[in-house]
Protein backbone atom coordinates (compact mmCIF):
# COMPACT_ATOMS: atom_id res chain seq x y z
CA ALA A 1 30.02 -88.39 -186.03
CA ASP A 2 33.30 -87.16 -184.57
CA PHE A 3 34.07 -90.52 -182.98
CA ARG A 4 33.32 -92.28 -186.27
CA ALA A 5 35.66 -89.87 -188.09
CA GLY A 6 38.36 -90.49 -185.49
CA MET A 7 37.86 -94.22 -185.77
CA ALA A 8 38.27 -94.06 -189.55
CA ILE A 9 41.65 -92.39 -189.06
CA SER A 10 42.67 -94.89 -186.38
CA ALA A 11 41.58 -97.79 -188.59
CA ARG A 12 43.63 -96.50 -191.53
CA LEU A 13 46.73 -96.07 -189.38
CA ALA A 14 46.30 -99.48 -187.72
CA ALA A 15 45.82 -101.16 -191.10
CA ALA A 16 48.86 -99.39 -192.56
CA ASP A 17 51.12 -100.70 -189.77
CA PRO A 18 49.59 -103.72 -188.00
CA GLY A 19 52.72 -104.09 -185.87
CA ASN A 20 52.38 -100.63 -184.38
CA ALA A 21 50.90 -101.40 -180.97
CA ALA A 22 50.16 -97.76 -180.18
CA TRP A 23 48.02 -97.42 -183.30
CA GLN A 24 46.29 -100.69 -182.53
CA ARG A 25 45.50 -99.41 -179.03
CA ASP A 26 44.22 -96.14 -180.49
CA LEU A 27 41.81 -98.13 -182.64
CA SER A 28 40.65 -100.06 -179.58
CA VAL A 29 40.05 -96.78 -177.72
CA SER A 30 38.08 -95.48 -180.71
CA HIS A 31 35.84 -98.54 -180.54
CA ASP A 32 35.35 -98.00 -176.81
CA ARG A 33 34.45 -94.33 -177.22
CA LEU A 34 31.97 -95.10 -179.95
CA GLY A 35 30.56 -97.91 -177.81
CA ASP A 36 30.11 -95.47 -174.93
CA VAL A 37 28.13 -93.09 -177.16
CA LEU A 38 26.02 -95.86 -178.64
CA SER A 39 25.28 -97.19 -175.17
CA ALA A 40 24.26 -93.72 -173.97
CA GLN A 41 21.97 -93.44 -177.00
CA GLY A 42 20.35 -96.77 -176.16
CA ASP A 43 21.88 -98.68 -179.08
CA LEU A 44 23.01 -101.63 -176.96
CA PRO A 45 23.62 -104.02 -179.89
CA GLY A 46 25.79 -101.39 -181.58
CA ALA A 47 27.64 -100.67 -178.34
CA LEU A 48 28.20 -104.36 -177.78
CA ALA A 49 29.66 -104.75 -181.28
CA ASP A 50 32.09 -101.86 -180.77
CA PHE A 51 33.08 -103.00 -177.28
CA ARG A 52 33.74 -106.50 -178.62
CA ALA A 53 35.85 -105.08 -181.46
CA GLY A 54 37.84 -103.00 -178.99
CA MET A 55 38.22 -105.95 -176.66
CA ALA A 56 39.58 -108.15 -179.45
CA ILE A 57 42.36 -105.63 -179.99
CA SER A 58 42.99 -105.27 -176.24
CA ALA A 59 43.18 -109.03 -175.89
CA ARG A 60 45.73 -109.29 -178.71
CA LEU A 61 47.88 -106.57 -177.19
CA ALA A 62 47.66 -108.04 -173.69
CA ALA A 63 48.57 -111.50 -174.99
CA ALA A 64 51.49 -110.10 -176.98
CA ASP A 65 52.97 -108.39 -173.90
CA PRO A 66 51.67 -109.92 -170.66
CA GLY A 67 54.01 -107.72 -168.64
CA ASN A 68 52.46 -104.50 -169.93
CA ALA A 69 50.18 -103.48 -167.06
CA ALA A 70 48.44 -100.76 -169.08
CA TRP A 71 47.38 -103.24 -171.76
CA GLN A 72 46.26 -105.71 -169.11
CA ARG A 73 44.18 -102.94 -167.52
CA ASP A 74 42.68 -102.06 -170.91
CA LEU A 75 41.55 -105.66 -171.21
CA SER A 76 40.02 -105.57 -167.72
CA VAL A 77 38.14 -102.38 -168.55
CA SER A 78 36.94 -103.98 -171.81
CA HIS A 79 35.45 -106.84 -169.81
CA ASN A 80 33.65 -104.36 -167.56
CA ARG A 81 32.24 -102.45 -170.53
CA LEU A 82 30.97 -105.65 -172.11
CA GLY A 83 29.51 -106.66 -168.78
CA ASP A 84 27.70 -103.35 -168.47
CA VAL A 85 26.02 -103.76 -171.87
CA LEU A 86 25.16 -107.40 -171.22
CA SER A 87 23.66 -106.41 -167.87
CA ALA A 88 21.62 -103.65 -169.52
CA GLN A 89 20.33 -106.25 -171.99
CA GLY A 90 19.28 -108.51 -169.11
CA ASP A 91 22.05 -111.09 -169.63
CA LEU A 92 23.24 -111.23 -166.02
CA PRO A 93 25.11 -114.55 -166.41
CA GLY A 94 27.02 -113.12 -169.38
CA ALA A 95 27.66 -109.87 -167.54
CA LEU A 96 28.87 -111.75 -164.48
CA ALA A 97 31.29 -113.82 -166.59
CA ASP A 98 32.81 -110.65 -168.07
CA TYR A 99 32.94 -108.90 -164.69
CA ARG A 100 34.73 -111.91 -163.19
CA ALA A 101 37.21 -111.98 -166.08
CA GLY A 102 37.89 -108.28 -165.53
CA MET A 103 38.25 -108.89 -161.79
CA ALA A 104 40.83 -111.61 -162.36
CA ILE A 105 42.98 -109.14 -164.27
CA SER A 106 42.49 -106.21 -161.89
CA ALA A 107 43.18 -108.43 -158.86
CA ARG A 108 46.36 -109.73 -160.49
CA LEU A 109 47.55 -106.16 -161.17
CA ALA A 110 46.69 -105.06 -157.63
CA ALA A 111 48.51 -108.04 -156.12
CA ALA A 112 51.60 -107.36 -158.24
CA ASP A 113 51.71 -103.70 -157.15
CA PRO A 114 49.84 -103.30 -153.84
CA GLY A 115 50.99 -99.70 -153.50
CA ASN A 116 49.24 -98.66 -156.70
CA ALA A 117 45.99 -97.04 -155.57
CA ALA A 118 44.57 -97.07 -159.11
CA TRP A 119 44.89 -100.86 -159.33
CA GLN A 120 43.25 -101.16 -155.92
CA ARG A 121 40.38 -98.91 -157.06
CA ASP A 122 39.92 -101.11 -160.12
CA VAL A 123 39.39 -104.07 -157.79
CA ILE A 124 36.75 -102.06 -155.91
CA VAL A 125 34.95 -101.32 -159.18
CA SER A 126 35.08 -104.98 -160.20
CA CYS A 127 33.73 -106.08 -156.83
CA VAL A 128 30.81 -103.66 -157.09
CA LYS A 129 29.97 -104.80 -160.61
CA ILE A 130 30.04 -108.45 -159.53
CA ALA A 131 27.81 -107.63 -156.55
CA GLU A 132 25.33 -105.85 -158.81
CA ALA A 133 25.19 -108.74 -161.28
CA ASP A 134 24.84 -111.39 -158.56
CA ALA A 135 22.78 -109.71 -155.83
CA GLY A 136 22.26 -112.98 -153.97
CA GLN A 137 26.00 -113.28 -153.45
CA ALA A 138 26.78 -109.58 -153.08
CA ARG A 139 28.10 -109.62 -149.53
CA ALA A 140 31.51 -111.17 -150.25
CA PRO A 141 32.54 -108.82 -153.07
CA LEU A 142 31.13 -105.79 -151.24
CA THR A 143 33.03 -106.77 -148.09
CA ARG A 144 36.22 -107.11 -150.11
CA ALA A 145 35.63 -103.73 -151.79
CA LEU A 146 34.94 -102.03 -148.46
CA GLY A 147 38.14 -103.46 -146.96
CA ILE A 148 40.19 -102.10 -149.85
CA ALA A 149 38.46 -98.71 -149.68
CA ARG A 150 39.07 -98.46 -145.95
CA ASP A 151 42.73 -99.42 -146.37
CA LEU A 152 43.16 -96.77 -149.06
CA ALA A 153 41.46 -94.16 -146.88
CA ALA A 154 43.49 -95.09 -143.78
CA SER A 155 46.75 -94.86 -145.72
CA GLY A 156 45.82 -91.55 -147.33
CA ARG A 157 45.77 -93.11 -150.81
CA LEU A 158 42.04 -92.76 -151.46
CA ALA A 159 41.69 -89.87 -153.89
CA PRO A 160 39.62 -86.99 -152.53
CA VAL A 161 37.17 -87.43 -155.42
CA ASP A 162 36.57 -90.98 -154.14
CA ALA A 163 35.99 -90.06 -150.49
CA TRP A 164 32.32 -91.12 -150.86
CA ILE A 165 33.20 -94.74 -151.69
CA PRO A 166 33.54 -96.24 -148.17
CA ALA A 167 30.19 -94.84 -147.02
CA GLU A 168 28.48 -96.02 -150.22
CA LEU A 169 29.94 -99.50 -149.82
CA GLU A 170 28.81 -99.60 -146.18
CA ARG A 171 25.29 -98.65 -147.32
CA ARG A 172 25.24 -101.32 -150.03
CA LEU A 173 26.59 -103.93 -147.65
CA ALA A 174 23.91 -103.08 -145.07
CA GLU A 175 21.23 -103.54 -147.76
CA ALA A 176 22.69 -106.75 -149.22
CA PRO A 177 20.83 -109.99 -148.50
CA ALA A 178 22.35 -112.12 -145.77
């Protein structure tokens, strides 16, 4: 109920000033938050609808300002959210397509700013999602993710909260089909 009330406010503001990118982004975030709740409640069609609405806004913002890394990242995250719902619905090809689209963006951001640990972590997340959606081909993305995680750890840029990631990736890689 609170997210719906917040979305109503965001929608009014965005409609009142369609050129205000911050209000448009706020509306996208409102859709994402509502989608998260709906997904947690098991309403996958509802979550998918809200994630798609949020993604449409993110895509417009990213297209309007391709140099805005935050908006590009929002679009990448939108792809991952859609992929998660599609995967939960059993649509692995659809999920994989969205995960790959998100990976293309996160990889581009990481390549443009290799020192940004957050962009590197986003690539790890994308690799893991791709590996989960395409288990038969999981080794390559897991290997890539593990390499990034090890590099971050070796350089002291792996956040302490993420210290578990290299070991988890090693475990997943050991279990992945050859």
